[in-house]
PDB file of N, CA and C in Angstrom:
ATOM      1  N   UNK A   1      65.670  20.034-100.417  1.00  0.00           N
ATOM      2  CA  UNK A   1      66.705  18.374-100.040  1.00  0.00           C
ATOM      3  C   UNK A   1      67.710  18.983-100.298  1.00  0.00           C
ATOM      4  N   UNK A   2      68.625  19.042 -98.627  1.00  0.00           N
ATOM      5  CA  UNK A   2      70.215  19.377 -99.212  1.00  0.00           C
ATOM      6  C   UNK A   2      70.474  17.919 -99.435  1.00  0.00           C
ATOM      7  N   UNK A   3      72.444  18.416 -99.327  1.00  0.00           N
ATOM      8  CA  UNK A   3      73.697  17.044 -99.631  1.00  0.00           C
ATOM      9  C   UNK A   3      73.695  15.923 -98.448  1.00  0.00           C
ATOM     10  N   UNK A   4      72.862  16.614 -97.428  1.00  0.00           N
ATOM     11  CA  UNK A   4      73.315  15.801 -95.879  1.00  0.00           C
ATOM     12  C   UNK A   4      71.983  14.842 -96.194  1.00  0.00           C
ATOM     13  N   UNK A   5      71.249  15.330 -96.437  1.00  0.00           N
ATOM     14  CA  UNK A   5      69.975  14.601 -96.843  1.00  0.00           C
ATOM     15  C   UNK A   5      70.250  13.331 -97.816  1.00  0.00           C
ATOM     16  N   UNK A   6      70.226  13.809 -98.808  1.00  0.00           N
ATOM     17  CA  UNK A   6      70.566  12.774 -99.798  1.00  0.00           C
ATOM     18  C   UNK A   6      71.512  12.060 -99.118  1.00  0.00           C
ATOM     19  N   UNK A   7      72.893  12.002 -99.021  1.00  0.00           N
ATOM     20  CA  UNK A   7      74.172  11.626 -98.390  1.00  0.00           C
ATOM     21  C   UNK A   7      73.420  10.248 -97.416  1.00  0.00           C
ATOM     22  N   UNK A   8      72.193  10.836 -96.138  1.00  0.00           N
ATOM     23  CA  UNK A   8      71.872  10.095 -95.501  1.00  0.00           C
ATOM     24  C   UNK A   8      71.091   9.064 -96.289  1.00  0.00           C
ATOM     25  N   UNK A   9      70.225   9.399 -97.154  1.00  0.00           N
ATOM     26  CA  UNK A   9      69.243   8.616 -97.906  1.00  0.00           C
ATOM     27  C   UNK A   9      70.081   7.613 -98.594  1.00  0.00           C
ATOM     28  N   UNK A  10      71.387   8.222 -99.563  1.00  0.00           N
ATOM     29  CA  UNK A  10      72.049   6.677-100.121  1.00  0.00           C
ATOM     30  C   UNK A  10      72.814   5.691 -99.020  1.00  0.00           C
ATOM     31  N   UNK A  11      72.985   6.304 -97.866  1.00  0.00           N
ATOM     32  CA  UNK A  11      73.382   5.465 -96.541  1.00  0.00           C
ATOM     33  C   UNK A  11      72.428   4.105 -96.184  1.00  0.00           C
ATOM     34  N   UNK A  12      71.526   4.982 -95.904  1.00  0.00           N
ATOM     35  CA  UNK A  12      70.095   3.798 -95.907  1.00  0.00           C
ATOM     36  C   UNK A  12      69.687   3.118 -96.580  1.00  0.00           C
ATOM     37  N   UNK A  13      70.283   3.581 -97.989  1.00  0.00           N
ATOM     38  CA  UNK A  13      69.737   2.507 -99.070  1.00  0.00           C
ATOM     39  C   UNK A  13      70.873   1.393 -99.208  1.00  0.00           C
ATOM     40  N   UNK A  14      71.949   1.801 -99.023  1.00  0.00           N
ATOM     41  CA  UNK A  14      73.143   0.809 -98.808  1.00  0.00           C
ATOM     42  C   UNK A  14      72.895  -0.167 -98.140  1.00  0.00           C
ATOM     43  N   UNK A  15      72.600   0.305 -96.656  1.00  0.00           N
ATOM     44  CA  UNK A  15      72.206  -0.201 -95.403  1.00  0.00           C
ATOM     45  C   UNK A  15      71.404  -1.742 -95.848  1.00  0.00           C
ATOM     46  N   UNK A  16      69.735  -1.062 -96.192  1.00  0.00           N
ATOM     47  CA  UNK A  16      69.188  -1.978 -96.559  1.00  0.00           C
ATOM     48  C   UNK A  16      68.973  -2.840 -97.723  1.00  0.00           C
ATOM     49  N   UNK A  17      69.767  -2.594 -98.557  1.00  0.00           N
ATOM     50  CA  UNK A  17      69.711  -3.565 -99.933  1.00  0.00           C
ATOM     51  C   UNK A  17      70.969  -4.596 -99.346  1.00  0.00           C
ATOM     52  N   UNK A  18      72.004  -4.065 -98.597  1.00  0.00           N
ATOM     53  CA  UNK A  18      73.238  -5.060 -97.612  1.00  0.00           C
ATOM     54  C   UNK A  18      72.446  -6.260 -96.829  1.00  0.00           C
ATOM     55  N   UNK A  19      71.449  -5.569 -96.227  1.00  0.00           N
ATOM     56  CA  UNK A  19      70.493  -6.508 -95.595  1.00  0.00           C
ATOM     57  C   UNK A  19      70.036  -7.417 -96.006  1.00  0.00           C
ATOM     58  N   UNK A  20      69.159  -6.922 -97.420  1.00  0.00           N
ATOM     59  CA  UNK A  20      68.306  -8.184 -98.175  1.00  0.00           C
ATOM     60  C   UNK A  20      69.255  -8.909 -98.911  1.00  0.00           C
ATOM     61  N   UNK A  21      70.024  -8.426 -99.305  1.00  0.00           N
ATOM     62  CA  UNK A  21      71.541  -9.258-100.468  1.00  0.00           C
ATOM     63  C   UNK A  21      72.022 -10.441 -99.253  1.00  0.00           C
ATOM     64  N   UNK A  22      72.158 -10.106 -97.910  1.00  0.00           N
ATOM     65  CA  UNK A  22      72.569 -10.783 -97.341  1.00  0.00           C
ATOM     66  C   UNK A  22      71.651 -11.826 -96.894  1.00  0.00           C
ATOM     67  N   UNK A  23      70.236 -11.347 -96.424  1.00  0.00           N
ATOM     68  CA  UNK A  23      69.146 -12.531 -96.060  1.00  0.00           C
ATOM     69  C   UNK A  23      68.971 -13.456 -97.215  1.00  0.00           C
ATOM     70  N   UNK A  24      69.074 -12.937 -98.733  1.00  0.00           N
ATOM     71  CA  UNK A  24      68.947 -13.605 -99.601  1.00  0.00           C
ATOM     72  C   UNK A  24      70.114 -14.621-100.011  1.00  0.00           C
ATOM     73  N   UNK A  25      71.293 -14.484 -99.609  1.00  0.00           N
ATOM     74  CA  UNK A  25      72.363 -15.197 -99.386  1.00  0.00           C
ATOM     75  C   UNK A  25      72.454 -16.288 -98.337  1.00  0.00           C
ATOM     76  N   UNK A  26      72.101 -16.385 -97.129  1.00  0.00           N
ATOM     77  CA  UNK A  26      71.790 -17.100 -95.821  1.00  0.00           C
ATOM     78  C   UNK A  26      70.301 -17.978 -96.562  1.00  0.00           C
ATOM     79  N   UNK A  27      69.386 -17.255 -97.162  1.00  0.00           N
ATOM     80  CA  UNK A  27      68.282 -18.398 -97.352  1.00  0.00           C
ATOM     81  C   UNK A  27      68.921 -19.096 -98.793  1.00  0.00           C
ATOM     82  N   UNK A  28      69.895 -19.013 -99.309  1.00  0.00           N
ATOM     83  CA  UNK A  28      70.353 -19.835-100.412  1.00  0.00           C
ATOM     84  C   UNK A  28      71.013 -20.696 -99.644  1.00  0.00           C
ATOM     85  N   UNK A  29      71.834 -20.504 -98.845  1.00  0.00           N
ATOM     86  CA  UNK A  29      72.959 -21.270 -98.625  1.00  0.00           C
ATOM     87  C   UNK A  29      72.008 -21.961 -97.385  1.00  0.00           C
ATOM     88  N   UNK A  30      71.529 -21.568 -96.594  1.00  0.00           N
ATOM     89  CA  UNK A  30      71.022 -22.354 -95.301  1.00  0.00           C
ATOM     90  C   UNK A  30      70.107 -23.197 -95.962  1.00  0.00           C
ATOM     91  N   UNK A  31      69.037 -22.853 -96.855  1.00  0.00           N
ATOM     92  CA  UNK A  31      67.512 -23.535 -96.955  1.00  0.00           C
ATOM     93  C   UNK A  31      68.194 -24.077 -98.674  1.00  0.00           C
ATOM     94  N   UNK A  32      69.239 -24.405 -98.448  1.00  0.00           N
ATOM     95  CA  UNK A  32      69.741 -24.576-100.394  1.00  0.00           C
ATOM     96  C   UNK A  32      68.444 -25.917-100.621  1.00  0.00           C
ATOM     97  N   UNK A  33      67.998 -26.855-100.303  1.00  0.00           N
ATOM     98  CA  UNK A  33      67.146 -27.915-100.691  1.00  0.00           C
ATOM     99  C   UNK A  33      65.693 -27.183-101.090  1.00  0.00           C
ATOM    100  N   UNK A  34      65.238 -26.739 -99.981  1.00  0.00           N
ATOM    101  CA  UNK A  34      63.897 -26.039 -99.907  1.00  0.00           C
ATOM    102  C   UNK A  34      64.129 -24.842-101.006  1.00  0.00           C
ATOM    103  N   UNK A  35      65.209 -23.967-100.837  1.00  0.00           N
ATOM    104  CA  UNK A  35      64.609 -22.711-102.197  1.00  0.00           C
ATOM    105  C   UNK A  35      64.886 -23.378-103.184  1.00  0.00           C
ATOM    106  N   UNK A  36      65.598 -24.616-103.618  1.00  0.00           N
ATOM    107  CA  UNK A  36      66.014 -25.024-104.940  1.00  0.00           C
ATOM    108  C   UNK A  36      64.739 -25.919-105.499  1.00  0.00           C
ATOM    109  N   UNK A  37      64.216 -26.505-104.749  1.00  0.00           N
ATOM    110  CA  UNK A  37      62.632 -27.353-105.019  1.00  0.00           C
ATOM    111  C   UNK A  37      61.575 -25.709-105.341  1.00  0.00           C
ATOM    112  N   UNK A  38      61.541 -25.008-104.318  1.00  0.00           N
ATOM    113  CA  UNK A  38      60.566 -24.105-104.727  1.00  0.00           C
ATOM    114  C   UNK A  38      60.880 -23.375-105.947  1.00  0.00           C
ATOM    115  N   UNK A  39      62.274 -23.101-105.888  1.00  0.00           N
ATOM    116  CA  UNK A  39      62.151 -22.118-107.337  1.00  0.00           C
ATOM    117  C   UNK A  39      62.305 -23.104-108.504  1.00  0.00           C
ATOM    118  N   UNK A  40      62.661 -24.498-107.999  1.00  0.00           N
ATOM    119  CA  UNK A  40      62.535 -25.153-109.488  1.00  0.00           C
ATOM    120  C   UNK A  40      61.067 -25.449-109.648  1.00  0.00           C
ATOM    121  N   UNK A  41      60.198 -25.567-108.608  1.00  0.00           N
ATOM    122  CA  UNK A  41      58.635 -26.327-109.653  1.00  0.00           C
ATOM    123  C   UNK A  41      57.968 -24.701-109.305  1.00  0.00           C
ATOM    124  N   UNK A  42      58.171 -23.617-108.912  1.00  0.00           N
ATOM    125  CA  UNK A  42      57.305 -22.411-109.520  1.00  0.00           C
ATOM    126  C   UNK A  42      57.985 -22.175-110.579  1.00  0.00           C
ATOM    127  N   UNK A  43      59.045 -22.215-111.294  1.00  0.00           N
ATOM    128  CA  UNK A  43      59.890 -21.410-112.614  1.00  0.00           C
ATOM    129  C   UNK A  43      59.682 -22.626-113.566  1.00  0.00           C
ATOM    130  N   UNK A  44      59.939 -23.651-113.110  1.00  0.00           N
ATOM    131  CA  UNK A  44      59.935 -24.987-114.142  1.00  0.00           C
ATOM    132  C   UNK A  44      61.247 -24.916-114.715  1.00  0.00           C
ATOM    133  N   UNK A  45      62.359 -24.510-113.610  1.00  0.00           N
ATOM    134  CA  UNK A  45      63.560 -24.575-113.966  1.00  0.00           C
ATOM    135  C   UNK A  45      64.305 -25.851-113.157  1.00  0.00           C
ATOM    136  N   UNK A  46      64.790 -26.773-114.271  1.00  0.00           N
ATOM    137  CA  UNK A  46      65.676 -27.698-113.410  1.00  0.00           C
ATOM    138  C   UNK A  46      66.485 -27.663-112.151  1.00  0.00           C
ATOM    139  N   UNK A  47      66.455 -28.154-111.215  1.00  0.00           N
ATOM    140  CA  UNK A  47      67.204 -28.199-110.338  1.00  0.00           C
ATOM    141  C   UNK A  47      68.863 -27.944-110.518  1.00  0.00           C
ATOM    142  N   UNK A  48      69.290 -28.420-111.309  1.00  0.00           N
ATOM    143  CA  UNK A  48      70.778 -28.466-111.410  1.00  0.00           C
ATOM    144  C   UNK A  48      71.049 -27.382-112.098  1.00  0.00           C
ATOM    145  N   UNK A  49      70.477 -26.511-112.541  1.00  0.00           N
ATOM    146  CA  UNK A  49      70.877 -25.362-113.106  1.00  0.00           C
ATOM    147  C   UNK A  49      70.666 -23.744-112.033  1.00  0.00           C
ATOM    148  N   UNK A  50      69.964 -24.057-111.076  1.00  0.00           N
ATOM    149  CA  UNK A  50      70.106 -23.381-110.226  1.00  0.00           C
ATOM    150  C   UNK A  50      70.932 -22.496-109.383  1.00  0.00           C
ATOM    151  N   UNK A  51      71.792 -23.191-109.314  1.00  0.00           N
ATOM    152  CA  UNK A  51      73.341 -23.043-108.483  1.00  0.00           C
ATOM    153  C   UNK A  51      73.881 -21.959-109.038  1.00  0.00           C
ATOM    154  N   UNK A  52      73.901 -22.015-110.594  1.00  0.00           N
ATOM    155  CA  UNK A  52      74.668 -21.196-111.563  1.00  0.00           C
ATOM    156  C   UNK A  52      73.850 -19.760-111.277  1.00  0.00           C
ATOM    157  N   UNK A  53      72.420 -19.778-111.535  1.00  0.00           N
ATOM    158  CA  UNK A  53      71.360 -18.890-111.635  1.00  0.00           C
ATOM    159  C   UNK A  53      71.313 -17.877-110.233  1.00  0.00           C
ATOM    160  N   UNK A  54      71.679 -18.801-109.357  1.00  0.00           N
ATOM    161  CA  UNK A  54      71.494 -18.218-107.588  1.00  0.00           C
ATOM    162  C   UNK A  54      72.924 -17.253-107.617  1.00  0.00           C
ATOM    163  N   UNK A  55      74.259 -17.775-108.395  1.00  0.00           N
ATOM    164  CA  UNK A  55      75.299 -17.118-108.175  1.00  0.00           C
ATOM    165  C   UNK A  55      75.311 -15.917-108.893  1.00  0.00           C
ATOM    166  N   UNK A  56      74.503 -16.068-110.002  1.00  0.00           N
ATOM    167  CA  UNK A  56      74.641 -14.799-111.191  1.00  0.00           C
ATOM    168  C   UNK A  56      73.693 -13.735-110.514  1.00  0.00           C
ATOM    169  N   UNK A  57      72.744 -14.309-109.987  1.00  0.00           N
ATOM    170  CA  UNK A  57      72.059 -13.243-109.277  1.00  0.00           C
ATOM    171  C   UNK A  57      72.352 -12.455-108.268  1.00  0.00           C
ATOM    172  N   UNK A  58      72.882 -13.047-107.639  1.00  0.00           N
ATOM    173  CA  UNK A  58      74.174 -12.626-105.960  1.00  0.00           C
ATOM    174  C   UNK A  58      74.818 -11.502-106.901  1.00  0.00           C
ATOM    175  N   UNK A  59      76.082 -12.257-107.885  1.00  0.00           N
ATOM    176  CA  UNK A  59      76.614 -11.257-108.122  1.00  0.00           C
ATOM    177  C   UNK A  59      76.378 -10.060-109.060  1.00  0.00           C
ATOM    178  N   UNK A  60      75.035 -10.188-109.477  1.00  0.00           N
ATOM    179  CA  UNK A  60      74.477  -9.120-109.954  1.00  0.00           C
ATOM    180  C   UNK A  60      73.792  -8.063-109.344  1.00  0.00           C
ATOM    181  N   UNK A  61      73.286  -8.345-107.966  1.00  0.00           N
ATOM    182  CA  UNK A  61      72.638  -7.607-106.917  1.00  0.00           C
ATOM    183  C   UNK A  61      73.732  -6.904-106.204  1.00  0.00           C
ATOM    184  N   UNK A  62      74.616  -7.605-106.048  1.00  0.00           N
ATOM    185  CA  UNK A  62      75.968  -6.743-105.334  1.00  0.00           C
ATOM    186  C   UNK A  62      76.524  -6.051-106.107  1.00  0.00           C
ATOM    187  N   UNK A  63      76.604  -6.314-107.066  1.00  0.00           N
ATOM    188  CA  UNK A  63      77.550  -4.879-108.357  1.00  0.00           C
ATOM    189  C   UNK A  63      76.204  -3.697-108.573  1.00  0.00           C
ATOM    190  N   UNK A  64      75.005  -4.080-108.552  1.00  0.00           N
ATOM    191  CA  UNK A  64      74.157  -3.346-108.225  1.00  0.00           C
ATOM    192  C   UNK A  64      74.002  -2.293-107.147  1.00  0.00           C
ATOM    193  N   UNK A  65      74.204  -2.802-105.724  1.00  0.00           N
ATOM    194  CA  UNK A  65      74.527  -2.074-104.808  1.00  0.00           C
ATOM    195  C   UNK A  65      75.558  -1.225-104.450  1.00  0.00           C
ATOM    196  N   UNK A  66      76.611  -1.764-105.389  1.00  0.00           N
ATOM    197  CA  UNK A  66      77.653  -1.118-105.312  1.00  0.00           C
ATOM    198  C   UNK A  66      77.611   0.274-105.980  1.00  0.00           C
ATOM    199  N   UNK A  67      77.281  -0.138-107.246  1.00  0.00           N
ATOM    200  CA  UNK A  67      77.174   0.803-108.255  1.00  0.00           C
ATOM    201  C   UNK A  67      75.722   2.026-107.967  1.00  0.00           C
ATOM    202  N   UNK A  68      74.706   1.663-107.718  1.00  0.00           N
ATOM    203  CA  UNK A  68      73.770   2.480-107.439  1.00  0.00           C
ATOM    204  C   UNK A  68      73.308   3.279-105.909  1.00  0.00           C
ATOM    205  N   UNK A  69      74.148   2.386-104.840  1.00  0.00           N
ATOM    206  CA  UNK A  69      73.926   3.241-103.618  1.00  0.00           C
ATOM    207  C   UNK A  69      75.315   3.131-103.126  1.00  0.00           C
ATOM    208  N   UNK A  70      75.996   2.102-103.153  1.00  0.00           N
ATOM    209  CA  UNK A  70      77.553   2.522-102.296  1.00  0.00           C
ATOM    210  C   UNK A  70      78.406   3.631-103.064  1.00  0.00           C
ATOM    211  N   UNK A  71      78.450   3.865-104.114  1.00  0.00           N
ATOM    212  CA  UNK A  71      79.752   4.960-105.178  1.00  0.00           C
ATOM    213  C   UNK A  71      78.663   5.883-104.849  1.00  0.00           C
ATOM    214  N   UNK A  72      77.181   6.279-105.003  1.00  0.00           N
ATOM    215  CA  UNK A  72      77.033   8.036-104.690  1.00  0.00           C
ATOM    216  C   UNK A  72      76.868   8.297-103.177  1.00  0.00           C
ATOM    217  N   UNK A  73      76.973   6.948-102.342  1.00  0.00           N
ATOM    218  CA  UNK A  73      77.336   7.768-100.963  1.00  0.00           C
ATOM    219  C   UNK A  73      78.332   7.698-100.497  1.00  0.00           C
ATOM    220  N   UNK A  74      80.005   7.138-101.238  1.00  0.00           N
ATOM    221  CA  UNK A  74      81.133   7.460-100.535  1.00  0.00           C
ATOM    222  C   UNK A  74      81.250   8.966-101.475  1.00  0.00           C
ATOM    223  N   UNK A  75      80.994   9.093-102.965  1.00  0.00           N
ATOM    224  CA  UNK A  75      80.871  10.461-103.600  1.00  0.00           C
ATOM    225  C   UNK A  75      80.448  11.145-102.781  1.00  0.00           C
ATOM    226  N   UNK A  76      79.500  11.554-102.054  1.00  0.00           N
ATOM    227  CA  UNK A  76      79.006  12.409-101.589  1.00  0.00           C
ATOM    228  C   UNK A  76      79.474  12.473 -99.979  1.00  0.00           C
ATOM    229  N   UNK A  77      80.309  11.572 -99.436  1.00  0.00           N
ATOM    230  CA  UNK A  77      80.625  11.662 -97.889  1.00  0.00           C
ATOM    231  C   UNK A  77      82.157  12.505 -98.901  1.00  0.00           C
ATOM    232  N   UNK A  78      82.602  12.264 -99.488  1.00  0.00           N
ATOM    233  CA  UNK A  78      83.725  13.064-100.081  1.00  0.00           C
ATOM    234  C   UNK A  78      83.379  14.647-100.265  1.00  0.00           C
ATOM    235  N   UNK A  79      82.542  14.860-100.571  1.00  0.00           N
ATOM    236  CA  UNK A  79      82.115  15.948-100.847  1.00  0.00           C
ATOM    237  C   UNK A  79      81.978  16.875-100.012  1.00  0.00           C
ATOM    238  N   UNK A  80      81.346  16.330 -99.040  1.00  0.00           N
ATOM    239  CA  UNK A  80      80.647  17.220 -97.585  1.00  0.00           C
ATOM    240  C   UNK A  80      82.096  17.221 -96.876  1.00  0.00           C
TER     241      UNK A  80
END
């Protein structure tokens, strides 16, 4: 495996993870009542606590994408 294949790998990882992030954010925003009811019933969490948990989840996921996908991709792009 050479550096170009690894760069391509991290590029696609970034694209896929951003797509999952956007899907999650849109599902939480557009279907707010449905997702809140579903998660409240399944997980046994109060529906009033869910917005802060969603915010925390989306923030952590975005940081994970930047640290583990985007930063290595950019570093490899600078090397090539």
